Amino acid sequence: MGKHFLFQTFWKILNHFQKFHLSTIIYVYKVWQTKFDEMQSLVHVFLQDNDNVIEKIKEKGMGQPMLVIFDDLINSNSLADIATLFTVD
């Protein structure tokens, strides 16, 4: 199953269950893949992983409801910063 198909299926299912409209979909990747070209109609912003990825996500999201997808970032230098998005104090 390809990324495009999986994401498209997920998006259709999500639309049935979400309580509010997502204004932005951000896809964070390590290395650009040609399959991402097929996903451009579904994703608003593609961000390449970098040292400022969290700030870029916040800037692109502008405080609105958004979905952020992290693709293949297990060896990212930003992993510790990304992890803080999932941490509850």
PDB file of N, CA and C in Angstrom:
ATOM      1  N   MET A   1       0.850  -1.170   0.000  1.00  0.00           N
ATOM      2  CA  MET A   1       0.000   0.000   0.000  1.00  0.00           C
ATOM      3  C   MET A   1       0.898   1.236   0.000  1.00  0.00           C
ATOM      4  N   GLY A   2       0.638   2.128  -0.933  1.00  0.00           N
ATOM      5  CA  GLY A   2       1.464   3.321  -1.060  1.00  0.00           C
ATOM      6  C   GLY A   2       1.048   4.432  -0.127  1.00  0.00           C
ATOM      7  N   LYS A   3       1.950   5.386   0.062  1.00  0.00           N
ATOM      8  CA  LYS A   3       1.685   6.527   0.953  1.00  0.00           C
ATOM      9  C   LYS A   3       0.490   7.337   0.482  1.00  0.00           C
ATOM     10  N   HIS A   4       0.403   7.558  -0.805  1.00  0.00           N
ATOM     11  CA  HIS A   4      -0.692   8.363  -1.338  1.00  0.00           C
ATOM     12  C   HIS A   4      -2.028   7.700  -1.043  1.00  0.00           C
ATOM     13  N   PHE A   5      -2.135   6.424  -1.318  1.00  0.00           N
ATOM     14  CA  PHE A   5      -3.377   5.693  -1.064  1.00  0.00           C
ATOM     15  C   PHE A   5      -3.710   5.695   0.425  1.00  0.00           C
ATOM     16  N   LEU A   6      -2.716   5.419   1.256  1.00  0.00           N
ATOM     17  CA  LEU A   6      -2.934   5.380   2.703  1.00  0.00           C
ATOM     18  C   LEU A   6      -3.400   6.741   3.216  1.00  0.00           C
ATOM     19  N   PHE A   7      -2.730   7.798   2.789  1.00  0.00           N
ATOM     20  CA  PHE A   7      -3.097   9.141   3.244  1.00  0.00           C
ATOM     21  C   PHE A   7      -4.486   9.524   2.740  1.00  0.00           C
ATOM     22  N   GLN A   8      -4.780   9.220   1.479  1.00  0.00           N
ATOM     23  CA  GLN A   8      -6.078   9.554   0.916  1.00  0.00           C
ATOM     24  C   GLN A   8      -7.200   8.828   1.657  1.00  0.00           C
ATOM     25  N   THR A   9      -6.985   7.562   1.983  1.00  0.00           N
ATOM     26  CA  THR A   9      -7.971   6.783   2.733  1.00  0.00           C
ATOM     27  C   THR A   9      -8.133   7.352   4.141  1.00  0.00           C
ATOM     28  N   PHE A  10      -7.032   7.651   4.792  1.00  0.00           N
ATOM     29  CA  PHE A  10      -7.068   8.246   6.127  1.00  0.00           C
ATOM     30  C   PHE A  10      -7.842   9.560   6.107  1.00  0.00           C
ATOM     31  N   TRP A  11      -7.601  10.385   5.091  1.00  0.00           N
ATOM     32  CA  TRP A  11      -8.257  11.682   4.996  1.00  0.00           C
ATOM     33  C   TRP A  11      -9.768  11.525   4.858  1.00  0.00           C
ATOM     34  N   LYS A  12     -10.211  10.570   4.060  1.00  0.00           N
ATOM     35  CA  LYS A  12     -11.649  10.333   3.894  1.00  0.00           C
ATOM     36  C   LYS A  12     -12.285   9.898   5.211  1.00  0.00           C
ATOM     37  N   ILE A  13     -11.611   9.027   5.928  1.00  0.00           N
ATOM     38  CA  ILE A  13     -12.129   8.550   7.215  1.00  0.00           C
ATOM     39  C   ILE A  13     -12.140   9.692   8.233  1.00  0.00           C
ATOM     40  N   LEU A  14     -11.080  10.453   8.269  1.00  0.00           N
ATOM     41  CA  LEU A  14     -10.966  11.564   9.223  1.00  0.00           C
ATOM     42  C   LEU A  14     -12.097  12.566   9.031  1.00  0.00           C
ATOM     43  N   ASN A  15     -12.460  12.826   7.801  1.00  0.00           N
ATOM     44  CA  ASN A  15     -13.532  13.795   7.530  1.00  0.00           C
ATOM     45  C   ASN A  15     -14.858  13.381   8.153  1.00  0.00           C
ATOM     46  N   HIS A  16     -15.059  12.098   8.383  1.00  0.00           N
ATOM     47  CA  HIS A  16     -16.293  11.624   9.002  1.00  0.00           C
ATOM     48  C   HIS A  16     -16.291  11.794  10.520  1.00  0.00           C
ATOM     49  N   PHE A  17     -15.113  11.873  11.134  1.00  0.00           N
ATOM     50  CA  PHE A  17     -15.015  11.869  12.588  1.00  0.00           C
ATOM     51  C   PHE A  17     -14.547  13.180  13.212  1.00  0.00           C
ATOM     52  N   GLN A  18     -13.991  14.070  12.438  1.00  0.00           N
ATOM     53  CA  GLN A  18     -13.462  15.291  13.037  1.00  0.00           C
ATOM     54  C   GLN A  18     -14.579  16.218  13.497  1.00  0.00           C
ATOM     55  N   LYS A  19     -14.319  16.914  14.581  1.00  0.00           N
ATOM     56  CA  LYS A  19     -15.303  17.827  15.159  1.00  0.00           C
ATOM     57  C   LYS A  19     -15.153  19.236  14.595  1.00  0.00           C
ATOM     58  N   PHE A  20     -14.036  19.533  13.994  1.00  0.00           N
ATOM     59  CA  PHE A  20     -13.795  20.845  13.424  1.00  0.00           C
ATOM     60  C   PHE A  20     -12.988  20.673  12.146  1.00  0.00           C
ATOM     61  N   HIS A  21     -13.043  21.657  11.296  1.00  0.00           N
ATOM     62  CA  HIS A  21     -12.354  21.612  10.013  1.00  0.00           C
ATOM     63  C   HIS A  21     -10.861  21.889  10.205  1.00  0.00           C
ATOM     64  N   LEU A  22     -10.028  21.046   9.645  1.00  0.00           N
ATOM     65  CA  LEU A  22      -8.591  21.279   9.680  1.00  0.00           C
ATOM     66  C   LEU A  22      -8.256  22.308   8.609  1.00  0.00           C
ATOM     67  N   SER A  23      -7.661  23.402   9.012  1.00  0.00           N
ATOM     68  CA  SER A  23      -7.349  24.448   8.053  1.00  0.00           C
ATOM     69  C   SER A  23      -6.063  24.161   7.290  1.00  0.00           C
ATOM     70  N   THR A  24      -5.179  23.362   7.882  1.00  0.00           N
ATOM     71  CA  THR A  24      -3.881  23.114   7.253  1.00  0.00           C
ATOM     72  C   THR A  24      -3.443  21.680   7.488  1.00  0.00           C
ATOM     73  N   ILE A  25      -2.901  21.072   6.450  1.00  0.00           N
ATOM     74  CA  ILE A  25      -2.247  19.770   6.565  1.00  0.00           C
ATOM     75  C   ILE A  25      -0.791  19.991   6.219  1.00  0.00           C
ATOM     76  N   ILE A  26       0.079  19.649   7.166  1.00  0.00           N
ATOM     77  CA  ILE A  26       1.521  19.824   6.998  1.00  0.00           C
ATOM     78  C   ILE A  26       2.168  18.451   6.982  1.00  0.00           C
ATOM     79  N   TYR A  27       3.002  18.213   6.007  1.00  0.00           N
ATOM     80  CA  TYR A  27       3.700  16.936   5.852  1.00  0.00           C
ATOM     81  C   TYR A  27       5.188  17.206   6.018  1.00  0.00           C
ATOM     82  N   VAL A  28       5.795  16.656   7.065  1.00  0.00           N
ATOM     83  CA  VAL A  28       7.211  16.865   7.347  1.00  0.00           C
ATOM     84  C   VAL A  28       7.965  15.615   6.908  1.00  0.00           C
ATOM     85  N   TYR A  29       8.985  15.792   6.103  1.00  0.00           N
ATOM     86  CA  TYR A  29       9.724  14.670   5.522  1.00  0.00           C
ATOM     87  C   TYR A  29      11.229  14.890   5.669  1.00  0.00           C
ATOM     88  N   LYS A  30      11.961  13.820   5.559  1.00  0.00           N
ATOM     89  CA  LYS A  30      13.423  13.894   5.612  1.00  0.00           C
ATOM     90  C   LYS A  30      13.997  14.075   4.197  1.00  0.00           C
ATOM     91  N   VAL A  31      13.549  13.219   3.280  1.00  0.00           N
ATOM     92  CA  VAL A  31      14.039  13.243   1.896  1.00  0.00           C
ATOM     93  C   VAL A  31      12.834  13.285   0.965  1.00  0.00           C
ATOM     94  N   TRP A  32      12.851  14.210   0.009  1.00  0.00           N
ATOM     95  CA  TRP A  32      11.737  14.315  -0.941  1.00  0.00           C
ATOM     96  C   TRP A  32      11.641  13.041  -1.765  1.00  0.00           C
ATOM     97  N   GLN A  33      10.411  12.551  -1.927  1.00  0.00           N
ATOM     98  CA  GLN A  33      10.153  11.368  -2.733  1.00  0.00           C
ATOM     99  C   GLN A  33       9.179  11.740  -3.838  1.00  0.00           C
ATOM    100  N   THR A  34       9.309  11.140  -4.985  1.00  0.00           N
ATOM    101  CA  THR A  34       8.448  11.471  -6.117  1.00  0.00           C
ATOM    102  C   THR A  34       6.979  11.186  -5.808  1.00  0.00           C
ATOM    103  N   LYS A  35       6.698  10.275  -4.895  1.00  0.00           N
ATOM    104  CA  LYS A  35       5.313   9.986  -4.510  1.00  0.00           C
ATOM    105  C   LYS A  35       4.638  11.209  -3.883  1.00  0.00           C
ATOM    106  N   PHE A  36       5.425  12.113  -3.325  1.00  0.00           N
ATOM    107  CA  PHE A  36       4.850  13.318  -2.726  1.00  0.00           C
ATOM    108  C   PHE A  36       4.172  14.191  -3.783  1.00  0.00           C
ATOM    109  N   ASP A  37       4.643  14.107  -5.024  1.00  0.00           N
ATOM    110  CA  ASP A  37       4.019  14.881  -6.103  1.00  0.00           C
ATOM    111  C   ASP A  37       2.538  14.532  -6.232  1.00  0.00           C
ATOM    112  N   GLU A  38       2.204  13.250  -6.050  1.00  0.00           N
ATOM    113  CA  GLU A  38       0.823  12.794  -6.141  1.00  0.00           C
ATOM    114  C   GLU A  38      -0.021  13.286  -4.965  1.00  0.00           C
ATOM    115  N   MET A  39       0.624  13.641  -3.873  1.00  0.00           N
ATOM    116  CA  MET A  39      -0.083  14.042  -2.655  1.00  0.00           C
ATOM    117  C   MET A  39      -0.297  15.547  -2.561  1.00  0.00           C
ATOM    118  N   GLN A  40       0.224  16.302  -3.511  1.00  0.00           N
ATOM    119  CA  GLN A  40       0.166  17.759  -3.411  1.00  0.00           C
ATOM    120  C   GLN A  40      -1.251  18.307  -3.416  1.00  0.00           C
ATOM    121  N   SER A  41      -2.198  17.568  -3.967  1.00  0.00           N
ATOM    122  CA  SER A  41      -3.584  18.044  -3.943  1.00  0.00           C
ATOM    123  C   SER A  41      -4.229  17.837  -2.573  1.00  0.00           C
ATOM    124  N   LEU A  42      -3.612  17.017  -1.718  1.00  0.00           N
ATOM    125  CA  LEU A  42      -4.163  16.716  -0.396  1.00  0.00           C
ATOM    126  C   LEU A  42      -3.452  17.466   0.724  1.00  0.00           C
ATOM    127  N   VAL A  43      -2.205  17.822   0.504  1.00  0.00           N
ATOM    128  CA  VAL A  43      -1.367  18.438   1.541  1.00  0.00           C
ATOM    129  C   VAL A  43      -1.178  19.920   1.225  1.00  0.00           C
ATOM    130  N   HIS A  44      -1.349  20.765   2.221  1.00  0.00           N
ATOM    131  CA  HIS A  44      -1.181  22.207   2.020  1.00  0.00           C
ATOM    132  C   HIS A  44       0.277  22.631   2.031  1.00  0.00           C
ATOM    133  N   VAL A  45       1.063  22.031   2.950  1.00  0.00           N
ATOM    134  CA  VAL A  45       2.451  22.454   3.125  1.00  0.00           C
ATOM    135  C   VAL A  45       3.339  21.227   3.294  1.00  0.00           C
ATOM    136  N   PHE A  46       4.400  21.159   2.507  1.00  0.00           N
ATOM    137  CA  PHE A  46       5.448  20.162   2.701  1.00  0.00           C
ATOM    138  C   PHE A  46       6.634  20.881   3.324  1.00  0.00           C
ATOM    139  N   LEU A  47       7.142  20.333   4.422  1.00  0.00           N
ATOM    140  CA  LEU A  47       8.315  20.915   5.085  1.00  0.00           C
ATOM    141  C   LEU A  47       9.411  19.867   5.171  1.00  0.00           C
ATOM    142  N   GLN A  48      10.583  20.225   4.719  1.00  0.00           N
ATOM    143  CA  GLN A  48      11.715  19.320   4.895  1.00  0.00           C
ATOM    144  C   GLN A  48      12.245  19.482   6.312  1.00  0.00           C
ATOM    145  N   ASP A  49      12.578  18.359   6.926  1.00  0.00           N
ATOM    146  CA  ASP A  49      13.104  18.374   8.280  1.00  0.00           C
ATOM    147  C   ASP A  49      14.340  19.264   8.357  1.00  0.00           C
ATOM    148  N   ASN A  50      14.399  20.085   9.394  1.00  0.00           N
ATOM    149  CA  ASN A  50      15.561  20.945   9.628  1.00  0.00           C
ATOM    150  C   ASN A  50      15.584  21.328  11.103  1.00  0.00           C
ATOM    151  N   ASP A  51      16.565  22.080  11.500  1.00  0.00           N
ATOM    152  CA  ASP A  51      16.726  22.450  12.908  1.00  0.00           C
ATOM    153  C   ASP A  51      15.583  23.330  13.427  1.00  0.00           C
ATOM    154  N   ASN A  52      14.862  24.005  12.542  1.00  0.00           N
ATOM    155  CA  ASN A  52      13.786  24.912  12.944  1.00  0.00           C
ATOM    156  C   ASN A  52      12.412  24.379  12.564  1.00  0.00           C
ATOM    157  N   VAL A  53      12.271  23.072  12.436  1.00  0.00           N
ATOM    158  CA  VAL A  53      11.015  22.514  11.913  1.00  0.00           C
ATOM    159  C   VAL A  53       9.823  22.837  12.809  1.00  0.00           C
ATOM    160  N   ILE A  54       9.992  22.848  14.121  1.00  0.00           N
ATOM    161  CA  ILE A  54       8.878  23.142  15.022  1.00  0.00           C
ATOM    162  C   ILE A  54       8.408  24.587  14.829  1.00  0.00           C
ATOM    163  N   GLU A  55       9.343  25.515  14.718  1.00  0.00           N
ATOM    164  CA  GLU A  55       8.971  26.910  14.495  1.00  0.00           C
ATOM    165  C   GLU A  55       8.264  27.069  13.157  1.00  0.00           C
ATOM    166  N   LYS A  56       8.729  26.354  12.134  1.00  0.00           N
ATOM    167  CA  LYS A  56       8.098  26.421  10.802  1.00  0.00           C
ATOM    168  C   LYS A  56       6.674  25.874  10.857  1.00  0.00           C
ATOM    169  N   ILE A  57       6.471  24.778  11.600  1.00  0.00           N
ATOM    170  CA  ILE A  57       5.127  24.201  11.739  1.00  0.00           C
ATOM    171  C   ILE A  57       4.201  25.211  12.396  1.00  0.00           C
ATOM    172  N   LYS A  58       4.645  25.820  13.474  1.00  0.00           N
ATOM    173  CA  LYS A  58       3.822  26.819  14.176  1.00  0.00           C
ATOM    174  C   LYS A  58       3.526  28.015  13.285  1.00  0.00           C
ATOM    175  N   GLU A  59       4.508  28.437  12.526  1.00  0.00           N
ATOM    176  CA  GLU A  59       4.342  29.578  11.622  1.00  0.00           C
ATOM    177  C   GLU A  59       3.324  29.252  10.524  1.00  0.00           C
ATOM    178  N   LYS A  60       3.415  28.074   9.940  1.00  0.00           N
ATOM    179  CA  LYS A  60       2.505  27.684   8.856  1.00  0.00           C
ATOM    180  C   LYS A  60       1.097  27.405   9.378  1.00  0.00           C
ATOM    181  N   GLY A  61       0.996  26.903  10.606  1.00  0.00           N
ATOM    182  CA  GLY A  61      -0.302  26.594  11.181  1.00  0.00           C
ATOM    183  C   GLY A  61      -1.066  27.809  11.635  1.00  0.00           C
ATOM    184  N   MET A  62      -0.376  28.871  11.940  1.00  0.00           N
ATOM    185  CA  MET A  62      -0.976  30.152  12.354  1.00  0.00           C
ATOM    186  C   MET A  62      -2.012  29.989  13.459  1.00  0.00           C
ATOM    187  N   GLY A  63      -1.808  29.047  14.371  1.00  0.00           N
ATOM    188  CA  GLY A  63      -2.712  28.874  15.504  1.00  0.00           C
ATOM    189  C   GLY A  63      -4.043  28.231  15.151  1.00  0.00           C
ATOM    190  N   GLN A  64      -4.203  27.757  13.942  1.00  0.00           N
ATOM    191  CA  GLN A  64      -5.442  27.136  13.491  1.00  0.00           C
ATOM    192  C   GLN A  64      -5.345  25.613  13.627  1.00  0.00           C
ATOM    193  N   PRO A  65      -6.495  24.915  13.637  1.00  0.00           N
ATOM    194  CA  PRO A  65      -6.461  23.451  13.685  1.00  0.00           C
ATOM    195  C   PRO A  65      -5.708  22.896  12.480  1.00  0.00           C
ATOM    196  N   MET A  66      -4.801  21.978  12.737  1.00  0.00           N
ATOM    197  CA  MET A  66      -4.008  21.418  11.652  1.00  0.00           C
ATOM    198  C   MET A  66      -3.669  19.967  11.936  1.00  0.00           C
ATOM    199  N   LEU A  67      -3.329  19.271  10.893  1.00  0.00           N
ATOM    200  CA  LEU A  67      -2.841  17.899  10.970  1.00  0.00           C
ATOM    201  C   LEU A  67      -1.404  17.928  10.514  1.00  0.00           C
ATOM    202  N   VAL A  68      -0.506  17.383  11.328  1.00  0.00           N
ATOM    203  CA  VAL A  68       0.905  17.323  10.968  1.00  0.00           C
ATOM    204  C   VAL A  68       1.291  15.854  10.857  1.00  0.00           C
ATOM    205  N   ILE A  69       1.864  15.509   9.728  1.00  0.00           N
ATOM    206  CA  ILE A  69       2.311  14.142   9.474  1.00  0.00           C
ATOM    207  C   ILE A  69       3.828  14.157   9.429  1.00  0.00           C
ATOM    208  N   PHE A  70       4.433  13.324  10.253  1.00  0.00           N
ATOM    209  CA  PHE A  70       5.895  13.189  10.282  1.00  0.00           C
ATOM    210  C   PHE A  70       6.250  11.896   9.579  1.00  0.00           C
ATOM    211  N   ASP A  71       7.015  11.996   8.502  1.00  0.00           N
ATOM    212  CA  ASP A  71       7.339  10.831   7.689  1.00  0.00           C
ATOM    213  C   ASP A  71       8.819  10.484   7.811  1.00  0.00           C
ATOM    214  N   ASP A  72       9.069   9.312   8.363  1.00  0.00           N
ATOM    215  CA  ASP A  72      10.413   8.731   8.375  1.00  0.00           C
ATOM    216  C   ASP A  72      11.448   9.646   9.027  1.00  0.00           C
ATOM    217  N   LEU A  73      11.129  10.148  10.230  1.00  0.00           N
ATOM    218  CA  LEU A  73      12.040  11.064  10.925  1.00  0.00           C
ATOM    219  C   LEU A  73      12.694  10.431  12.145  1.00  0.00           C
ATOM    220  N   ILE A  74      12.720   9.111  12.208  1.00  0.00           N
ATOM    221  CA  ILE A  74      13.245   8.437  13.396  1.00  0.00           C
ATOM    222  C   ILE A  74      14.707   8.803  13.684  1.00  0.00           C
ATOM    223  N   ASN A  75      15.467   9.128  12.654  1.00  0.00           N
ATOM    224  CA  ASN A  75      16.867   9.519  12.859  1.00  0.00           C
ATOM    225  C   ASN A  75      17.071  11.021  12.732  1.00  0.00           C
ATOM    226  N   SER A  76      16.008  11.770  12.861  1.00  0.00           N
ATOM    227  CA  SER A  76      16.071  13.213  12.713  1.00  0.00           C
ATOM    228  C   SER A  76      16.819  13.857  13.875  1.00  0.00           C
ATOM    229  N   ASN A  77      17.570  14.889  13.563  1.00  0.00           N
ATOM    230  CA  ASN A  77      18.220  15.682  14.610  1.00  0.00           C
ATOM    231  C   ASN A  77      17.183  16.470  15.412  1.00  0.00           C
ATOM    232  N   SER A  78      15.989  16.624  14.848  1.00  0.00           N
ATOM    233  CA  SER A  78      14.915  17.378  15.495  1.00  0.00           C
ATOM    234  C   SER A  78      14.005  16.496  16.344  1.00  0.00           C
ATOM    235  N   LEU A  79      14.319  15.224  16.471  1.00  0.00           N
ATOM    236  CA  LEU A  79      13.426  14.283  17.140  1.00  0.00           C
ATOM    237  C   LEU A  79      13.090  14.716  18.571  1.00  0.00           C
ATOM    238  N   ALA A  80      14.058  15.213  19.307  1.00  0.00           N
ATOM    239  CA  ALA A  80      13.795  15.645  20.681  1.00  0.00           C
ATOM    240  C   ALA A  80      12.800  16.819  20.702  1.00  0.00           C
ATOM    241  N   ASP A  81      12.935  17.731  19.753  1.00  0.00           N
ATOM    242  CA  ASP A  81      12.001  18.859  19.663  1.00  0.00           C
ATOM    243  C   ASP A  81      10.624  18.391  19.231  1.00  0.00           C
ATOM    244  N   ILE A  82      10.583  17.471  18.288  1.00  0.00           N
ATOM    245  CA  ILE A  82       9.299  16.926  17.809  1.00  0.00           C
ATOM    246  C   ILE A  82       8.586  16.206  18.950  1.00  0.00           C
ATOM    247  N   ALA A  83       9.328  15.487  19.755  1.00  0.00           N
ATOM    248  CA  ALA A  83       8.745  14.739  20.867  1.00  0.00           C
ATOM    249  C   ALA A  83       7.992  15.638  21.839  1.00  0.00           C
ATOM    250  N   THR A  84       8.431  16.879  21.973  1.00  0.00           N
ATOM    251  CA  THR A  84       7.749  17.790  22.908  1.00  0.00           C
ATOM    252  C   THR A  84       6.313  18.086  22.464  1.00  0.00           C
ATOM    253  N   LEU A  85       6.018  17.899  21.190  1.00  0.00           N
ATOM    254  CA  LEU A  85       4.653  18.110  20.710  1.00  0.00           C
ATOM    255  C   LEU A  85       3.697  17.048  21.236  1.00  0.00           C
ATOM    256  N   PHE A  86       4.241  15.920  21.662  1.00  0.00           N
ATOM    257  CA  PHE A  86       3.429  14.805  22.126  1.00  0.00           C
ATOM    258  C   PHE A  86       3.513  14.600  23.635  1.00  0.00           C
ATOM    259  N   THR A  87       4.207  15.493  24.314  1.00  0.00           N
ATOM    260  CA  THR A  87       4.407  15.370  25.745  1.00  0.00           C
ATOM    261  C   THR A  87       3.379  16.210  26.495  1.00  0.00           C
ATOM    262  N   VAL A  88       2.752  15.603  27.491  1.00  0.00           N
ATOM    263  CA  VAL A  88       1.804  16.313  28.335  1.00  0.00           C
ATOM    264  C   VAL A  88       2.429  16.468  29.716  1.00  0.00           C
ATOM    265  N   ASP A  89       2.470  17.686  30.194  1.00  0.00           N
ATOM    266  CA  ASP A  89       3.054  17.931  31.526  1.00  0.00           C
ATOM    267  C   ASP A  89       2.033  17.679  32.614  1.00  0.00           C
TER     268      ASP A  89
END
